[in-house]
Amino acid sequence: MSTRADFWYLVAAGALFGLFVLDVLLGKAALTYEFEPILKLGDVGEFLVLLAAVILFMIEVLRREAEETELKTKSAIAAEEEKK
């Protein structure tokens, strides 16, 4: 049973990944067109943002997997009780 609060793990993961991509693209554009980038996270900052995005994404994937497994288990138990 998914709630709206569970959806925010995925939204936060997407936002952090978007921040990472924006930083990389701005860095590449700054090198190409020789300007100072607005956003500069650095190596450690990029790593931490990407790590946080991956962790949040995995939390959401594992949560959904557990939810599906729970539903399958409940339906299997109900089917077995029906046979009795």
PDB file of N, CA and C in Angstrom:
ATOM      1  N   MET A   1       0.828  -1.170   0.000  1.00  0.00           N
ATOM      2  CA  MET A   1       0.000   0.000   0.000  1.00  0.00           C
ATOM      3  C   MET A   1       0.883   1.247   0.000  1.00  0.00           C
ATOM      4  N   SER A   2       1.050   1.811  -1.145  1.00  0.00           N
ATOM      5  CA  SER A   2       1.922   2.970  -1.287  1.00  0.00           C
ATOM      6  C   SER A   2       1.216   4.241  -0.822  1.00  0.00           C
ATOM      7  N   THR A   3       1.973   5.077  -0.160  1.00  0.00           N
ATOM      8  CA  THR A   3       1.438   6.368   0.260  1.00  0.00           C
ATOM      9  C   THR A   3       2.189   7.468  -0.465  1.00  0.00           C
ATOM     10  N   ARG A   4       1.675   8.668  -0.366  1.00  0.00           N
ATOM     11  CA  ARG A   4       2.333   9.794  -1.047  1.00  0.00           C
ATOM     12  C   ARG A   4       3.697  10.077  -0.445  1.00  0.00           C
ATOM     13  N   ALA A   5       3.883   9.816   0.856  1.00  0.00           N
ATOM     14  CA  ALA A   5       5.167  10.086   1.508  1.00  0.00           C
ATOM     15  C   ALA A   5       6.264   9.198   0.937  1.00  0.00           C
ATOM     16  N   ASP A   6       5.915   7.977   0.529  1.00  0.00           N
ATOM     17  CA  ASP A   6       6.911   7.065  -0.026  1.00  0.00           C
ATOM     18  C   ASP A   6       7.430   7.553  -1.372  1.00  0.00           C
ATOM     19  N   PHE A   7       6.619   8.269  -2.093  1.00  0.00           N
ATOM     20  CA  PHE A   7       6.976   8.773  -3.415  1.00  0.00           C
ATOM     21  C   PHE A   7       8.139   9.771  -3.342  1.00  0.00           C
ATOM     22  N   TRP A   8       8.326  10.423  -2.209  1.00  0.00           N
ATOM     23  CA  TRP A   8       9.342  11.464  -2.086  1.00  0.00           C
ATOM     24  C   TRP A   8      10.765  10.938  -2.123  1.00  0.00           C
ATOM     25  N   TYR A   9      10.979   9.662  -1.808  1.00  0.00           N
ATOM     26  CA  TYR A   9      12.320   9.089  -1.968  1.00  0.00           C
ATOM     27  C   TYR A   9      12.749   9.180  -3.429  1.00  0.00           C
ATOM     28  N   LEU A  10      11.829   8.834  -4.311  1.00  0.00           N
ATOM     29  CA  LEU A  10      12.129   8.861  -5.732  1.00  0.00           C
ATOM     30  C   LEU A  10      12.294  10.290  -6.246  1.00  0.00           C
ATOM     31  N   VAL A  11      11.465  11.195  -5.774  1.00  0.00           N
ATOM     32  CA  VAL A  11      11.568  12.598  -6.173  1.00  0.00           C
ATOM     33  C   VAL A  11      12.901  13.190  -5.702  1.00  0.00           C
ATOM     34  N   ALA A  12      13.275  12.918  -4.463  1.00  0.00           N
ATOM     35  CA  ALA A  12      14.541  13.435  -3.922  1.00  0.00           C
ATOM     36  C   ALA A  12      15.729  12.843  -4.670  1.00  0.00           C
ATOM     37  N   ALA A  13      15.662  11.554  -4.997  1.00  0.00           N
ATOM     38  CA  ALA A  13      16.740  10.919  -5.758  1.00  0.00           C
ATOM     39  C   ALA A  13      16.872  11.565  -7.137  1.00  0.00           C
ATOM     40  N   GLY A  14      15.747  11.822  -7.784  1.00  0.00           N
ATOM     41  CA  GLY A  14      15.771  12.473  -9.093  1.00  0.00           C
ATOM     42  C   GLY A  14      16.313  13.887  -9.028  1.00  0.00           C
ATOM     43  N   ALA A  15      15.937  14.609  -7.983  1.00  0.00           N
ATOM     44  CA  ALA A  15      16.431  15.986  -7.830  1.00  0.00           C
ATOM     45  C   ALA A  15      17.939  16.002  -7.592  1.00  0.00           C
ATOM     46  N   LEU A  16      18.425  15.099  -6.761  1.00  0.00           N
ATOM     47  CA  LEU A  16      19.869  15.044  -6.511  1.00  0.00           C
ATOM     48  C   LEU A  16      20.634  14.622  -7.758  1.00  0.00           C
ATOM     49  N   PHE A  17      20.085  13.664  -8.510  1.00  0.00           N
ATOM     50  CA  PHE A  17      20.740  13.261  -9.746  1.00  0.00           C
ATOM     51  C   PHE A  17      20.729  14.405 -10.758  1.00  0.00           C
ATOM     52  N   GLY A  18      19.625  15.148 -10.806  1.00  0.00           N
ATOM     53  CA  GLY A  18      19.560  16.321 -11.677  1.00  0.00           C
ATOM     54  C   GLY A  18      20.595  17.370 -11.306  1.00  0.00           C
ATOM     55  N   LEU A  19      20.804  17.559 -10.010  1.00  0.00           N
ATOM     56  CA  LEU A  19      21.835  18.489  -9.534  1.00  0.00           C
ATOM     57  C   LEU A  19      23.217  18.034  -9.977  1.00  0.00           C
ATOM     58  N   PHE A  20      23.468  16.733  -9.897  1.00  0.00           N
ATOM     59  CA  PHE A  20      24.740  16.178 -10.338  1.00  0.00           C
ATOM     60  C   PHE A  20      24.954  16.411 -11.834  1.00  0.00           C
ATOM     61  N   VAL A  21      23.929  16.098 -12.626  1.00  0.00           N
ATOM     62  CA  VAL A  21      24.029  16.279 -14.081  1.00  0.00           C
ATOM     63  C   VAL A  21      24.225  17.756 -14.424  1.00  0.00           C
ATOM     64  N   LEU A  22      23.499  18.635 -13.751  1.00  0.00           N
ATOM     65  CA  LEU A  22      23.640  20.072 -13.984  1.00  0.00           C
ATOM     66  C   LEU A  22      25.063  20.540 -13.682  1.00  0.00           C
ATOM     67  N   ASP A  23      25.629  20.063 -12.597  1.00  0.00           N
ATOM     68  CA  ASP A  23      26.999  20.434 -12.241  1.00  0.00           C
ATOM     69  C   ASP A  23      27.994  19.965 -13.299  1.00  0.00           C
ATOM     70  N   VAL A  24      27.829  18.739 -13.775  1.00  0.00           N
ATOM     71  CA  VAL A  24      28.737  18.204 -14.798  1.00  0.00           C
ATOM     72  C   VAL A  24      28.601  18.987 -16.099  1.00  0.00           C
ATOM     73  N   LEU A  25      27.368  19.260 -16.506  1.00  0.00           N
ATOM     74  CA  LEU A  25      27.164  20.000 -17.761  1.00  0.00           C
ATOM     75  C   LEU A  25      27.669  21.435 -17.667  1.00  0.00           C
ATOM     76  N   LEU A  26      27.441  22.086 -16.534  1.00  0.00           N
ATOM     77  CA  LEU A  26      27.962  23.445 -16.358  1.00  0.00           C
ATOM     78  C   LEU A  26      29.483  23.455 -16.345  1.00  0.00           C
ATOM     79  N   GLY A  27      30.081  22.440 -15.745  1.00  0.00           N
ATOM     80  CA  GLY A  27      31.539  22.340 -15.736  1.00  0.00           C
ATOM     81  C   GLY A  27      32.102  22.168 -17.139  1.00  0.00           C
ATOM     82  N   LYS A  28      31.453  21.316 -17.929  1.00  0.00           N
ATOM     83  CA  LYS A  28      31.895  21.110 -19.309  1.00  0.00           C
ATOM     84  C   LYS A  28      31.708  22.380 -20.144  1.00  0.00           C
ATOM     85  N   ALA A  29      30.577  23.053 -19.973  1.00  0.00           N
ATOM     86  CA  ALA A  29      30.340  24.297 -20.707  1.00  0.00           C
ATOM     87  C   ALA A  29      31.330  25.372 -20.283  1.00  0.00           C
ATOM     88  N   ALA A  30      31.686  25.410 -19.003  1.00  0.00           N
ATOM     89  CA  ALA A  30      32.654  26.397 -18.521  1.00  0.00           C
ATOM     90  C   ALA A  30      34.021  26.173 -19.144  1.00  0.00           C
ATOM     91  N   LEU A  31      34.404  24.911 -19.315  1.00  0.00           N
ATOM     92  CA  LEU A  31      35.681  24.618 -19.971  1.00  0.00           C
ATOM     93  C   LEU A  31      35.641  24.959 -21.454  1.00  0.00           C
ATOM     94  N   THR A  32      34.519  24.679 -22.095  1.00  0.00           N
ATOM     95  CA  THR A  32      34.398  24.906 -23.531  1.00  0.00           C
ATOM     96  C   THR A  32      34.325  26.394 -23.867  1.00  0.00           C
ATOM     97  N   TYR A  33      33.507  27.133 -23.119  1.00  0.00           N
ATOM     98  CA  TYR A  33      33.271  28.533 -23.439  1.00  0.00           C
ATOM     99  C   TYR A  33      34.022  29.500 -22.525  1.00  0.00           C
ATOM    100  N   GLU A  34      34.886  28.975 -21.696  1.00  0.00           N
ATOM    101  CA  GLU A  34      35.778  29.760 -20.836  1.00  0.00           C
ATOM    102  C   GLU A  34      35.037  30.792 -19.984  1.00  0.00           C
ATOM    103  N   PHE A  35      34.192  30.320 -19.096  1.00  0.00           N
ATOM    104  CA  PHE A  35      33.555  31.178 -18.102  1.00  0.00           C
ATOM    105  C   PHE A  35      33.579  30.467 -16.758  1.00  0.00           C
ATOM    106  N   GLU A  36      33.320  31.224 -15.715  1.00  0.00           N
ATOM    107  CA  GLU A  36      33.301  30.663 -14.357  1.00  0.00           C
ATOM    108  C   GLU A  36      31.930  30.058 -14.087  1.00  0.00           C
ATOM    109  N   PRO A  37      31.852  28.757 -13.771  1.00  0.00           N
ATOM    110  CA  PRO A  37      30.541  28.132 -13.551  1.00  0.00           C
ATOM    111  C   PRO A  37      29.847  28.667 -12.300  1.00  0.00           C
ATOM    112  N   ILE A  38      28.524  28.724 -12.358  1.00  0.00           N
ATOM    113  CA  ILE A  38      27.725  29.190 -11.226  1.00  0.00           C
ATOM    114  C   ILE A  38      27.767  28.160 -10.107  1.00  0.00           C
ATOM    115  N   LEU A  39      27.659  26.901 -10.488  1.00  0.00           N
ATOM    116  CA  LEU A  39      27.622  25.800  -9.537  1.00  0.00           C
ATOM    117  C   LEU A  39      28.901  24.994  -9.670  1.00  0.00           C
ATOM    118  N   LYS A  40      29.647  24.851  -8.582  1.00  0.00           N
ATOM    119  CA  LYS A  40      30.866  24.056  -8.628  1.00  0.00           C
ATOM    120  C   LYS A  40      30.939  23.224  -7.355  1.00  0.00           C
ATOM    121  N   LEU A  41      30.552  21.951  -7.462  1.00  0.00           N
ATOM    122  CA  LEU A  41      30.526  21.070  -6.296  1.00  0.00           C
ATOM    123  C   LEU A  41      31.901  20.495  -5.968  1.00  0.00           C
ATOM    124  N   GLY A  42      32.735  20.318  -6.966  1.00  0.00           N
ATOM    125  CA  GLY A  42      34.026  19.683  -6.750  1.00  0.00           C
ATOM    126  C   GLY A  42      33.876  18.166  -6.759  1.00  0.00           C
ATOM    127  N   ASP A  43      34.999  17.477  -6.683  1.00  0.00           N
ATOM    128  CA  ASP A  43      34.981  16.018  -6.764  1.00  0.00           C
ATOM    129  C   ASP A  43      34.226  15.383  -5.600  1.00  0.00           C
ATOM    130  N   VAL A  44      34.538  15.815  -4.395  1.00  0.00           N
ATOM    131  CA  VAL A  44      33.890  15.231  -3.215  1.00  0.00           C
ATOM    132  C   VAL A  44      32.411  15.579  -3.184  1.00  0.00           C
ATOM    133  N   GLY A  45      32.070  16.800  -3.535  1.00  0.00           N
ATOM    134  CA  GLY A  45      30.674  17.205  -3.568  1.00  0.00           C
ATOM    135  C   GLY A  45      29.871  16.413  -4.581  1.00  0.00           C
ATOM    136  N   GLU A  46      30.445  16.214  -5.771  1.00  0.00           N
ATOM    137  CA  GLU A  46      29.772  15.410  -6.792  1.00  0.00           C
ATOM    138  C   GLU A  46      29.569  13.984  -6.304  1.00  0.00           C
ATOM    139  N   PHE A  47      30.587  13.429  -5.675  1.00  0.00           N
ATOM    140  CA  PHE A  47      30.485  12.073  -5.158  1.00  0.00           C
ATOM    141  C   PHE A  47      29.375  11.967  -4.114  1.00  0.00           C
ATOM    142  N   LEU A  48      29.333  12.909  -3.184  1.00  0.00           N
ATOM    143  CA  LEU A  48      28.333  12.849  -2.120  1.00  0.00           C
ATOM    144  C   LEU A  48      26.912  13.026  -2.651  1.00  0.00           C
ATOM    145  N   VAL A  49      26.740  13.922  -3.616  1.00  0.00           N
ATOM    146  CA  VAL A  49      25.410  14.129  -4.207  1.00  0.00           C
ATOM    147  C   VAL A  49      24.969  12.876  -4.951  1.00  0.00           C
ATOM    148  N   LEU A  50      25.867  12.291  -5.729  1.00  0.00           N
ATOM    149  CA  LEU A  50      25.529  11.077  -6.470  1.00  0.00           C
ATOM    150  C   LEU A  50      25.287   9.907  -5.514  1.00  0.00           C
ATOM    151  N   LEU A  51      26.078   9.796  -4.456  1.00  0.00           N
ATOM    152  CA  LEU A  51      25.885   8.745  -3.461  1.00  0.00           C
ATOM    153  C   LEU A  51      24.520   8.873  -2.785  1.00  0.00           C
ATOM    154  N   ALA A  52      24.158  10.089  -2.413  1.00  0.00           N
ATOM    155  CA  ALA A  52      22.852  10.311  -1.775  1.00  0.00           C
ATOM    156  C   ALA A  52      21.715   9.955  -2.737  1.00  0.00           C
ATOM    157  N   ALA A  53      21.864  10.302  -4.012  1.00  0.00           N
ATOM    158  CA  ALA A  53      20.834   9.976  -4.999  1.00  0.00           C
ATOM    159  C   ALA A  53      20.682   8.465  -5.146  1.00  0.00           C
ATOM    160  N   VAL A  54      21.787   7.765  -5.199  1.00  0.00           N
ATOM    161  CA  VAL A  54      21.746   6.307  -5.341  1.00  0.00           C
ATOM    162  C   VAL A  54      21.130   5.662  -4.099  1.00  0.00           C
ATOM    163  N   ILE A  55      21.490   6.143  -2.918  1.00  0.00           N
ATOM    164  CA  ILE A  55      20.945   5.586  -1.677  1.00  0.00           C
ATOM    165  C   ILE A  55      19.431   5.788  -1.622  1.00  0.00           C
ATOM    166  N   LEU A  56      18.967   6.983  -1.940  1.00  0.00           N
ATOM    167  CA  LEU A  56      17.524   7.242  -1.925  1.00  0.00           C
ATOM    168  C   LEU A  56      16.794   6.395  -2.967  1.00  0.00           C
ATOM    169  N   PHE A  57      17.398   6.241  -4.136  1.00  0.00           N
ATOM    170  CA  PHE A  57      16.795   5.416  -5.175  1.00  0.00           C
ATOM    171  C   PHE A  57      16.702   3.963  -4.720  1.00  0.00           C
ATOM    172  N   MET A  58      17.751   3.447  -4.110  1.00  0.00           N
ATOM    173  CA  MET A  58      17.749   2.062  -3.644  1.00  0.00           C
ATOM    174  C   MET A  58      16.745   1.852  -2.510  1.00  0.00           C
ATOM    175  N   ILE A  59      16.589   2.838  -1.642  1.00  0.00           N
ATOM    176  CA  ILE A  59      15.572   2.733  -0.593  1.00  0.00           C
ATOM    177  C   ILE A  59      14.199   2.564  -1.227  1.00  0.00           C
ATOM    178  N   GLU A  60      13.907   3.360  -2.243  1.00  0.00           N
ATOM    179  CA  GLU A  60      12.606   3.277  -2.910  1.00  0.00           C
ATOM    180  C   GLU A  60      12.431   1.935  -3.620  1.00  0.00           C
ATOM    181  N   VAL A  61      13.466   1.469  -4.320  1.00  0.00           N
ATOM    182  CA  VAL A  61      13.376   0.185  -5.027  1.00  0.00           C
ATOM    183  C   VAL A  61      13.154  -0.957  -4.045  1.00  0.00           C
ATOM    184  N   LEU A  62      13.918  -0.984  -2.966  1.00  0.00           N
ATOM    185  CA  LEU A  62      13.772  -2.053  -1.979  1.00  0.00           C
ATOM    186  C   LEU A  62      12.434  -1.980  -1.254  1.00  0.00           C
ATOM    187  N   ARG A  63      11.944  -0.778  -1.010  1.00  0.00           N
ATOM    188  CA  ARG A  63      10.645  -0.617  -0.371  1.00  0.00           C
ATOM    189  C   ARG A  63       9.541  -1.173  -1.266  1.00  0.00           C
ATOM    190  N   ARG A  64       9.608  -0.853  -2.555  1.00  0.00           N
ATOM    191  CA  ARG A  64       8.589  -1.355  -3.484  1.00  0.00           C
ATOM    192  C   ARG A  64       8.686  -2.869  -3.642  1.00  0.00           C
ATOM    193  N   GLU A  65       9.895  -3.385  -3.658  1.00  0.00           N
ATOM    194  CA  GLU A  65      10.078  -4.833  -3.769  1.00  0.00           C
ATOM    195  C   GLU A  65       9.494  -5.545  -2.557  1.00  0.00           C
ATOM    196  N   ALA A  66       9.723  -5.005  -1.378  1.00  0.00           N
ATOM    197  CA  ALA A  66       9.167  -5.590  -0.159  1.00  0.00           C
ATOM    198  C   ALA A  66       7.644  -5.530  -0.185  1.00  0.00           C
ATOM    199  N   GLU A  67       7.098  -4.450  -0.690  1.00  0.00           N
ATOM    200  CA  GLU A  67       5.643  -4.307  -0.787  1.00  0.00           C
ATOM    201  C   GLU A  67       5.058  -5.350  -1.730  1.00  0.00           C
ATOM    202  N   GLU A  68       5.712  -5.557  -2.882  1.00  0.00           N
ATOM    203  CA  GLU A  68       5.234  -6.565  -3.833  1.00  0.00           C
ATOM    204  C   GLU A  68       5.337  -7.967  -3.250  1.00  0.00           C
ATOM    205  N   THR A  69       6.421  -8.259  -2.554  1.00  0.00           N
ATOM    206  CA  THR A  69       6.606  -9.571  -1.945  1.00  0.00           C
ATOM    207  C   THR A  69       5.533  -9.826  -0.890  1.00  0.00           C
ATOM    208  N   GLU A  70       5.219  -8.798  -0.116  1.00  0.00           N
ATOM    209  CA  GLU A  70       4.183  -8.919   0.908  1.00  0.00           C
ATOM    210  C   GLU A  70       2.827  -9.219   0.267  1.00  0.00           C
ATOM    211  N   LEU A  71       2.515  -8.536  -0.833  1.00  0.00           N
ATOM    212  CA  LEU A  71       1.241  -8.779  -1.516  1.00  0.00           C
ATOM    213  C   LEU A  71       1.171 -10.185  -2.097  1.00  0.00           C
ATOM    214  N   LYS A  72       2.288 -10.659  -2.673  1.00  0.00           N
ATOM    215  CA  LYS A  72       2.316 -12.016  -3.228  1.00  0.00           C
ATOM    216  C   LYS A  72       2.158 -13.049  -2.129  1.00  0.00           C
ATOM    217  N   THR A  73       2.798 -12.809  -0.997  1.00  0.00           N
ATOM    218  CA  THR A  73       2.687 -13.737   0.128  1.00  0.00           C
ATOM    219  C   THR A  73       1.257 -13.794   0.646  1.00  0.00           C
ATOM    220  N   LYS A  74       0.635 -12.639   0.777  1.00  0.00           N
ATOM    221  CA  LYS A  74      -0.756 -12.598   1.254  1.00  0.00           C
ATOM    222  C   LYS A  74      -1.686 -13.320   0.289  1.00  0.00           C
ATOM    223  N   SER A  75      -1.476 -13.131  -1.015  1.00  0.00           N
ATOM    224  CA  SER A  75      -2.350 -13.793  -1.981  1.00  0.00           C
ATOM    225  C   SER A  75      -2.096 -15.298  -2.000  1.00  0.00           C
ATOM    226  N   ALA A  76      -0.864 -15.730  -1.789  1.00  0.00           N
ATOM    227  CA  ALA A  76      -0.560 -17.162  -1.735  1.00  0.00           C
ATOM    228  C   ALA A  76      -1.190 -17.791  -0.498  1.00  0.00           C
ATOM    229  N   ILE A  77      -1.156 -17.103   0.613  1.00  0.00           N
ATOM    230  CA  ILE A  77      -1.777 -17.608   1.849  1.00  0.00           C
ATOM    231  C   ILE A  77      -3.292 -17.691   1.664  1.00  0.00           C
ATOM    232  N   ALA A  78      -3.868 -16.687   1.047  1.00  0.00           N
ATOM    233  CA  ALA A  78      -5.316 -16.692   0.813  1.00  0.00           C
ATOM    234  C   ALA A  78      -5.708 -17.828  -0.124  1.00  0.00           C
ATOM    235  N   ALA A  79      -4.909 -18.077  -1.155  1.00  0.00           N
ATOM    236  CA  ALA A  79      -5.205 -19.166  -2.100  1.00  0.00           C
ATOM    237  C   ALA A  79      -5.082 -20.513  -1.395  1.00  0.00           C
ATOM    238  N   GLU A  80      -4.115 -20.661  -0.532  1.00  0.00           N
ATOM    239  CA  GLU A  80      -3.928 -21.933   0.192  1.00  0.00           C
ATOM    240  C   GLU A  80      -5.077 -22.161   1.183  1.00  0.00           C
ATOM    241  N   GLU A  81      -5.541 -21.108   1.828  1.00  0.00           N
ATOM    242  CA  GLU A  81      -6.665 -21.240   2.753  1.00  0.00           C
ATOM    243  C   GLU A  81      -7.952 -21.578   2.000  1.00  0.00           C
ATOM    244  N   GLU A  82      -8.044 -21.089   0.767  1.00  0.00           N
ATOM    245  CA  GLU A  82      -9.212 -21.370  -0.055  1.00  0.00           C
ATOM    246  C   GLU A  82      -9.302 -22.840  -0.429  1.00  0.00           C
ATOM    247  N   LYS A  83      -8.139 -23.474  -0.614  1.00  0.00           N
ATOM    248  CA  LYS A  83      -8.096 -24.894  -0.979  1.00  0.00           C
ATOM    249  C   LYS A  83      -8.537 -25.787   0.163  1.00  0.00           C
ATOM    250  N   LYS A  84      -8.375 -25.325   1.396  1.00  0.00           N
ATOM    251  CA  LYS A  84      -8.701 -26.160   2.568  1.00  0.00           C
ATOM    252  C   LYS A  84     -10.143 -26.305   2.771  1.00  0.00           C
TER     253      LYS A  84
END
